[in-house]
PDB file of N, CA and C in Angstrom:
ATOM      1  N   MET A   1    -100.294-158.427  27.969  1.00  0.00           N
ATOM      2  CA  MET A   1     -99.524-157.610  27.564  1.00  0.00           C
ATOM      3  C   MET A   1    -100.152-156.504  26.417  1.00  0.00           C
ATOM      4  N   CYS A   2    -100.801-157.228  25.512  1.00  0.00           N
ATOM      5  CA  CYS A   2    -101.421-156.467  24.340  1.00  0.00           C
ATOM      6  C   CYS A   2    -102.503-155.788  24.678  1.00  0.00           C
ATOM      7  N   PHE A   3    -103.183-156.069  25.651  1.00  0.00           N
ATOM      8  CA  PHE A   3    -104.243-155.228  26.337  1.00  0.00           C
ATOM      9  C   PHE A   3    -103.756-153.818  26.760  1.00  0.00           C
ATOM     10  N   GLN A   4    -102.823-154.108  27.699  1.00  0.00           N
ATOM     11  CA  GLN A   4    -102.066-152.761  28.255  1.00  0.00           C
ATOM     12  C   GLN A   4    -101.660-152.056  26.960  1.00  0.00           C
ATOM     13  N   ARG A   5    -100.932-152.542  26.069  1.00  0.00           N
ATOM     14  CA  ARG A   5    -100.537-151.552  24.949  1.00  0.00           C
ATOM     15  C   ARG A   5    -101.730-150.706  24.487  1.00  0.00           C
ATOM     16  N   ASN A   6    -103.050-151.494  24.103  1.00  0.00           N
ATOM     17  CA  ASN A   6    -104.097-151.108  23.716  1.00  0.00           C
ATOM     18  C   ASN A   6    -104.831-149.959  24.375  1.00  0.00           C
ATOM     19  N   LYS A   7    -104.646-150.168  25.771  1.00  0.00           N
ATOM     20  CA  LYS A   7    -105.175-149.175  26.610  1.00  0.00           C
ATOM     21  C   LYS A   7    -104.178-147.750  26.688  1.00  0.00           C
ATOM     22  N   VAL A   8    -102.897-147.901  26.761  1.00  0.00           N
ATOM     23  CA  VAL A   8    -102.056-147.000  26.406  1.00  0.00           C
ATOM     24  C   VAL A   8    -102.268-145.975  25.234  1.00  0.00           C
ATOM     25  N   PHE A   9    -102.502-146.883  24.083  1.00  0.00           N
ATOM     26  CA  PHE A   9    -102.531-146.342  23.033  1.00  0.00           C
ATOM     27  C   PHE A   9    -103.829-145.308  22.880  1.00  0.00           C
ATOM     28  N   HIS A  10    -104.764-145.836  23.362  1.00  0.00           N
ATOM     29  CA  HIS A  10    -106.252-145.110  23.461  1.00  0.00           C
ATOM     30  C   HIS A  10    -105.806-143.658  24.421  1.00  0.00           C
ATOM     31  N   LEU A  11    -105.333-143.911  25.565  1.00  0.00           N
ATOM     32  CA  LEU A  11    -105.079-142.566  26.496  1.00  0.00           C
ATOM     33  C   LEU A  11    -104.228-141.649  25.621  1.00  0.00           C
ATOM     34  N   GLU A  12    -103.246-142.178  24.800  1.00  0.00           N
ATOM     35  CA  GLU A  12    -102.346-141.232  24.054  1.00  0.00           C
ATOM     36  C   GLU A  12    -103.111-140.429  23.063  1.00  0.00           C
ATOM     37  N   ILE A  13    -104.120-141.491  22.428  1.00  0.00           N
ATOM     38  CA  ILE A  13    -105.029-140.608  21.440  1.00  0.00           C
ATOM     39  C   ILE A  13    -105.863-139.571  21.948  1.00  0.00           C
ATOM     40  N   ARG A  14    -106.362-139.880  23.231  1.00  0.00           N
ATOM     41  CA  ARG A  14    -107.023-138.943  24.014  1.00  0.00           C
ATOM     42  C   ARG A  14    -106.260-137.564  24.214  1.00  0.00           C
ATOM     43  N   LEU A  15    -105.139-137.693  24.697  1.00  0.00           N
ATOM     44  CA  LEU A  15    -104.437-136.698  25.079  1.00  0.00           C
ATOM     45  C   LEU A  15    -103.890-135.842  23.699  1.00  0.00           C
ATOM     46  N   LEU A  16    -103.544-136.592  22.772  1.00  0.00           N
ATOM     47  CA  LEU A  16    -103.507-136.012  21.367  1.00  0.00           C
ATOM     48  C   LEU A  16    -104.652-135.174  20.998  1.00  0.00           C
ATOM     49  N   LEU A  17    -105.736-135.567  21.071  1.00  0.00           N
ATOM     50  CA  LEU A  17    -107.028-134.912  20.596  1.00  0.00           C
ATOM     51  C   LEU A  17    -107.225-133.721  21.569  1.00  0.00           C
ATOM     52  N   GLN A  18    -106.887-133.854  22.789  1.00  0.00           N
ATOM     53  CA  GLN A  18    -107.168-132.599  23.783  1.00  0.00           C
ATOM     54  C   GLN A  18    -106.107-131.548  23.222  1.00  0.00           C
ATOM     55  N   SER A  19    -104.751-131.880  22.890  1.00  0.00           N
ATOM     56  CA  SER A  19    -103.777-131.019  22.601  1.00  0.00           C
ATOM     57  C   SER A  19    -104.068-130.211  21.339  1.00  0.00           C
ATOM     58  N   VAL A  20    -104.765-130.997  20.428  1.00  0.00           N
ATOM     59  CA  VAL A  20    -105.021-130.510  19.381  1.00  0.00           C
ATOM     60  C   VAL A  20    -106.286-129.371  19.383  1.00  0.00           C
ATOM     61  N   ILE A  21    -107.326-129.695  19.935  1.00  0.00           N
ATOM     62  CA  ILE A  21    -108.474-128.828  20.384  1.00  0.00           C
ATOM     63  C   ILE A  21    -107.979-127.737  21.108  1.00  0.00           C
ATOM     64  N   ILE A  22    -107.175-127.747  22.133  1.00  0.00           N
ATOM     65  CA  ILE A  22    -106.779-126.381  22.670  1.00  0.00           C
ATOM     66  C   ILE A  22    -105.772-125.476  21.905  1.00  0.00           C
ATOM     67  N   PHE A  23    -104.828-126.238  20.789  1.00  0.00           N
ATOM     68  CA  PHE A  23    -104.022-125.552  19.992  1.00  0.00           C
ATOM     69  C   PHE A  23    -105.097-124.781  19.014  1.00  0.00           C
ATOM     70  N   LEU A  24    -105.983-125.487  18.251  1.00  0.00           N
ATOM     71  CA  LEU A  24    -106.779-124.850  17.241  1.00  0.00           C
ATOM     72  C   LEU A  24    -107.463-123.760  18.138  1.00  0.00           C
ATOM     73  N   TYR A  25    -108.005-123.861  19.228  1.00  0.00           N
ATOM     74  CA  TYR A  25    -108.621-122.757  19.926  1.00  0.00           C
ATOM     75  C   TYR A  25    -107.877-121.468  20.227  1.00  0.00           C
ATOM     76  N   THR A  26    -106.847-121.759  20.643  1.00  0.00           N
ATOM     77  CA  THR A  26    -105.876-120.826  21.066  1.00  0.00           C
ATOM     78  C   THR A  26    -105.425-119.969  19.680  1.00  0.00           C
ATOM     79  N   ALA A  27    -105.110-120.889  18.629  1.00  0.00           N
ATOM     80  CA  ALA A  27    -104.647-120.091  17.358  1.00  0.00           C
ATOM     81  C   ALA A  27    -105.779-119.409  16.855  1.00  0.00           C
ATOM     82  N   ALA A  28    -107.167-119.892  17.049  1.00  0.00           N
ATOM     83  CA  ALA A  28    -108.152-119.097  16.314  1.00  0.00           C
ATOM     84  C   ALA A  28    -108.445-117.792  17.304  1.00  0.00           C
ATOM     85  N   GLN A  29    -108.247-117.892  18.667  1.00  0.00           N
ATOM     86  CA  GLN A  29    -108.285-116.684  19.311  1.00  0.00           C
ATOM     87  C   GLN A  29    -106.999-115.577  19.094  1.00  0.00           C
ATOM     88  N   ILE A  30    -106.085-116.031  18.957  1.00  0.00           N
ATOM     89  CA  ILE A  30    -104.892-115.217  18.608  1.00  0.00           C
ATOM     90  C   ILE A  30    -105.213-114.562  17.190  1.00  0.00           C
ATOM     91  N   THR A  31    -105.673-115.201  16.198  1.00  0.00           N
ATOM     92  CA  THR A  31    -105.741-114.825  14.764  1.00  0.00           C
ATOM     93  C   THR A  31    -106.976-113.846  14.985  1.00  0.00           C
ATOM     94  N   LEU A  32    -108.053-114.231  15.551  1.00  0.00           N
ATOM     95  CA  LEU A  32    -109.203-113.314  15.788  1.00  0.00           C
ATOM     96  C   LEU A  32    -108.713-112.043  16.249  1.00  0.00           C
ATOM     97  N   TYR A  33    -108.071-111.877  17.325  1.00  0.00           N
ATOM     98  CA  TYR A  33    -107.298-110.784  18.237  1.00  0.00           C
ATOM     99  C   TYR A  33    -106.617-109.853  16.944  1.00  0.00           C
ATOM    100  N   ASP A  34    -105.892-110.608  16.122  1.00  0.00           N
ATOM    101  CA  ASP A  34    -105.024-109.994  15.253  1.00  0.00           C
ATOM    102  C   ASP A  34    -105.841-109.115  13.976  1.00  0.00           C
ATOM    103  N   ILE A  35    -106.922-109.899  13.623  1.00  0.00           N
ATOM    104  CA  ILE A  35    -107.675-109.226  12.533  1.00  0.00           C
ATOM    105  C   ILE A  35    -109.057-108.614  12.922  1.00  0.00           C
ATOM    106  N   ALA A  36    -109.238-108.655  13.935  1.00  0.00           N
ATOM    107  CA  ALA A  36    -110.623-108.031  14.564  1.00  0.00           C
ATOM    108  C   ALA A  36    -110.691-106.529  14.045  1.00  0.00           C
ATOM    109  N   GLY A  37    -109.818-105.982  14.179  1.00  0.00           N
ATOM    110  CA  GLY A  37    -109.823-104.467  13.727  1.00  0.00           C
ATOM    111  C   GLY A  37    -109.979-104.316  12.290  1.00  0.00           C
ATOM    112  N   LYS A  38    -109.516-105.279  11.436  1.00  0.00           N
ATOM    113  CA  LYS A  38    -109.538-105.038  10.103  1.00  0.00           C
ATOM    114  C   LYS A  38    -110.749-105.733   9.350  1.00  0.00           C
ATOM    115  N   VAL A  39    -111.402-106.515  10.135  1.00  0.00           N
ATOM    116  CA  VAL A  39    -112.354-107.309   9.547  1.00  0.00           C
ATOM    117  C   VAL A  39    -113.932-106.913  10.109  1.00  0.00           C
ATOM    118  N   PHE A  40    -113.955-106.639  11.348  1.00  0.00           N
ATOM    119  CA  PHE A  40    -115.079-106.239  12.087  1.00  0.00           C
ATOM    120  C   PHE A  40    -115.149-105.025  12.417  1.00  0.00           C
ATOM    121  N   PRO A  41    -116.323-104.448  12.312  1.00  0.00           N
ATOM    122  CA  PRO A  41    -116.422-103.035  12.873  1.00  0.00           C
ATOM    123  C   PRO A  41    -116.140-102.432  13.991  1.00  0.00           C
ATOM    124  N   GLU A  42    -115.692-101.636  14.310  1.00  0.00           N
ATOM    125  CA  GLU A  42    -115.074-100.973  15.604  1.00  0.00           C
ATOM    126  C   GLU A  42    -116.437-100.687  16.385  1.00  0.00           C
ATOM    127  N   SER A  43    -116.937-101.555  17.238  1.00  0.00           N
ATOM    128  CA  SER A  43    -118.243-101.210  17.909  1.00  0.00           C
ATOM    129  C   SER A  43    -118.145-101.942  19.267  1.00  0.00           C
ATOM    130  N   PRO A  44    -118.991-101.569  20.410  1.00  0.00           N
ATOM    131  CA  PRO A  44    -119.020-102.236  21.649  1.00  0.00           C
ATOM    132  C   PRO A  44    -119.153-103.907  21.568  1.00  0.00           C
ATOM    133  N   HIS A  45    -119.978-104.204  20.424  1.00  0.00           N
ATOM    134  CA  HIS A  45    -120.356-105.490  20.213  1.00  0.00           C
ATOM    135  C   HIS A  45    -119.048-106.330  20.038  1.00  0.00           C
ATOM    136  N   THR A  46    -118.198-105.736  19.099  1.00  0.00           N
ATOM    137  CA  THR A  46    -116.879-106.311  18.869  1.00  0.00           C
ATOM    138  C   THR A  46    -116.056-106.641  20.191  1.00  0.00           C
ATOM    139  N   LEU A  47    -115.830-105.237  20.832  1.00  0.00           N
ATOM    140  CA  LEU A  47    -115.016-105.494  22.002  1.00  0.00           C
ATOM    141  C   LEU A  47    -115.809-106.533  23.034  1.00  0.00           C
ATOM    142  N   ILE A  48    -117.013-106.667  23.027  1.00  0.00           N
ATOM    143  CA  ILE A  48    -117.570-107.598  24.250  1.00  0.00           C
ATOM    144  C   ILE A  48    -117.253-108.774  23.721  1.00  0.00           C
ATOM    145  N   SER A  49    -117.481-109.307  22.423  1.00  0.00           N
ATOM    146  CA  SER A  49    -117.327-110.471  21.890  1.00  0.00           C
ATOM    147  C   SER A  49    -115.876-111.141  22.103  1.00  0.00           C
ATOM    148  N   LEU A  50    -114.819-110.078  21.809  1.00  0.00           N
ATOM    149  CA  LEU A  50    -113.470-110.663  22.268  1.00  0.00           C
ATOM    150  C   LEU A  50    -113.253-110.736  23.817  1.00  0.00           C
ATOM    151  N   GLY A  51    -113.766-109.974  24.491  1.00  0.00           N
ATOM    152  CA  GLY A  51    -113.902-110.038  25.931  1.00  0.00           C
ATOM    153  C   GLY A  51    -114.261-111.594  26.373  1.00  0.00           C
ATOM    154  N   ILE A  52    -115.465-112.086  25.678  1.00  0.00           N
ATOM    155  CA  ILE A  52    -116.123-113.187  26.125  1.00  0.00           C
ATOM    156  C   ILE A  52    -115.134-114.335  25.539  1.00  0.00           C
ATOM    157  N   VAL A  53    -114.556-114.145  24.483  1.00  0.00           N
ATOM    158  CA  VAL A  53    -113.636-115.352  23.869  1.00  0.00           C
ATOM    159  C   VAL A  53    -112.385-115.494  24.823  1.00  0.00           C
ATOM    160  N   HIS A  54    -112.066-114.042  25.464  1.00  0.00           N
ATOM    161  CA  HIS A  54    -110.834-114.377  26.093  1.00  0.00           C
ATOM    162  C   HIS A  54    -111.252-114.777  27.546  1.00  0.00           C
ATOM    163  N   ILE A  55    -112.428-114.789  28.020  1.00  0.00           N
ATOM    164  CA  ILE A  55    -112.987-115.245  29.436  1.00  0.00           C
ATOM    165  C   ILE A  55    -113.055-116.849  29.077  1.00  0.00           C
ATOM    166  N   LEU A  56    -113.682-117.194  27.819  1.00  0.00           N
ATOM    167  CA  LEU A  56    -113.881-118.725  27.849  1.00  0.00           C
ATOM    168  C   LEU A  56    -112.490-119.300  27.668  1.00  0.00           C
ATOM    169  N   ASN A  57    -111.427-118.555  27.485  1.00  0.00           N
ATOM    170  CA  ASN A  57    -110.224-119.350  27.166  1.00  0.00           C
ATOM    171  C   ASN A  57    -109.782-120.045  28.404  1.00  0.00           C
ATOM    172  N   GLY A  58    -110.131-119.301  29.531  1.00  0.00           N
ATOM    173  CA  GLY A  58    -109.820-120.149  30.813  1.00  0.00           C
ATOM    174  C   GLY A  58    -110.587-121.215  31.196  1.00  0.00           C
ATOM    175  N   GLY A  59    -111.808-121.587  30.330  1.00  0.00           N
ATOM    176  CA  GLY A  59    -112.592-122.703  30.672  1.00  0.00           C
ATOM    177  C   GLY A  59    -112.361-124.027  29.537  1.00  0.00           C
ATOM    178  N   VAL A  60    -111.579-123.762  28.654  1.00  0.00           N
ATOM    179  CA  VAL A  60    -111.207-124.655  27.652  1.00  0.00           C
ATOM    180  C   VAL A  60    -110.636-126.171  28.160  1.00  0.00           C
ATOM    181  N   ASN A  61    -109.594-125.815  29.048  1.00  0.00           N
ATOM    182  CA  ASN A  61    -108.689-126.890  29.596  1.00  0.00           C
ATOM    183  C   ASN A  61    -109.552-127.649  30.638  1.00  0.00           C
ATOM    184  N   PRO A  62    -110.115-127.126  31.695  1.00  0.00           N
ATOM    185  CA  PRO A  62    -111.041-127.891  32.427  1.00  0.00           C
ATOM    186  C   PRO A  62    -112.232-128.528  31.730  1.00  0.00           C
ATOM    187  N   LEU A  63    -112.796-127.914  30.790  1.00  0.00           N
ATOM    188  CA  LEU A  63    -113.911-128.418  29.966  1.00  0.00           C
ATOM    189  C   LEU A  63    -113.484-129.781  29.430  1.00  0.00           C
ATOM    190  N   LEU A  64    -112.436-129.749  28.668  1.00  0.00           N
ATOM    191  CA  LEU A  64    -111.695-130.784  27.971  1.00  0.00           C
ATOM    192  C   LEU A  64    -111.370-131.855  28.735  1.00  0.00           C
ATOM    193  N   TYR A  65    -110.768-131.548  30.114  1.00  0.00           N
ATOM    194  CA  TYR A  65    -110.337-132.496  31.029  1.00  0.00           C
ATOM    195  C   TYR A  65    -111.563-133.257  31.456  1.00  0.00           C
ATOM    196  N   VAL A  66    -112.834-132.706  31.743  1.00  0.00           N
ATOM    197  CA  VAL A  66    -113.920-133.334  32.446  1.00  0.00           C
ATOM    198  C   VAL A  66    -114.608-134.328  31.382  1.00  0.00           C
ATOM    199  N   THR A  67    -114.641-133.459  30.100  1.00  0.00           N
ATOM    200  CA  THR A  67    -115.590-134.409  28.867  1.00  0.00           C
ATOM    201  C   THR A  67    -114.550-135.682  28.573  1.00  0.00           C
ATOM    202  N   MET A  68    -113.204-135.307  28.614  1.00  0.00           N
ATOM    203  CA  MET A  68    -112.395-136.475  27.759  1.00  0.00           C
ATOM    204  C   MET A  68    -111.929-137.684  28.790  1.00  0.00           C
ATOM    205  N   ASN A  69    -112.013-137.335  30.018  1.00  0.00           N
ATOM    206  CA  ASN A  69    -111.275-138.386  31.066  1.00  0.00           C
ATOM    207  C   ASN A  69    -112.558-138.714  31.933  1.00  0.00           C
ATOM    208  N   LYS A  70    -112.298-139.851  32.170  1.00  0.00           N
ATOM    209  CA  LYS A  70    -113.434-140.701  33.076  1.00  0.00           C
ATOM    210  C   LYS A  70    -113.184-140.574  34.225  1.00  0.00           C
TER     211      LYS A  70
END
């Protein structure tokens, strides 16, 4: 019985860690979009970088799923 609780606890910790990573990445992305015009110079490189961050957003969940789950 104790072994089962320990296993569930570790699964919940992994799920919490995945959620925190997704939250931090999304919060950083939203903050970057909001302050990009004020902090970074307006150039094609800035727009390309923001586009790459937006494209990579679609890969965060599958990447975490593959790396964190057996």
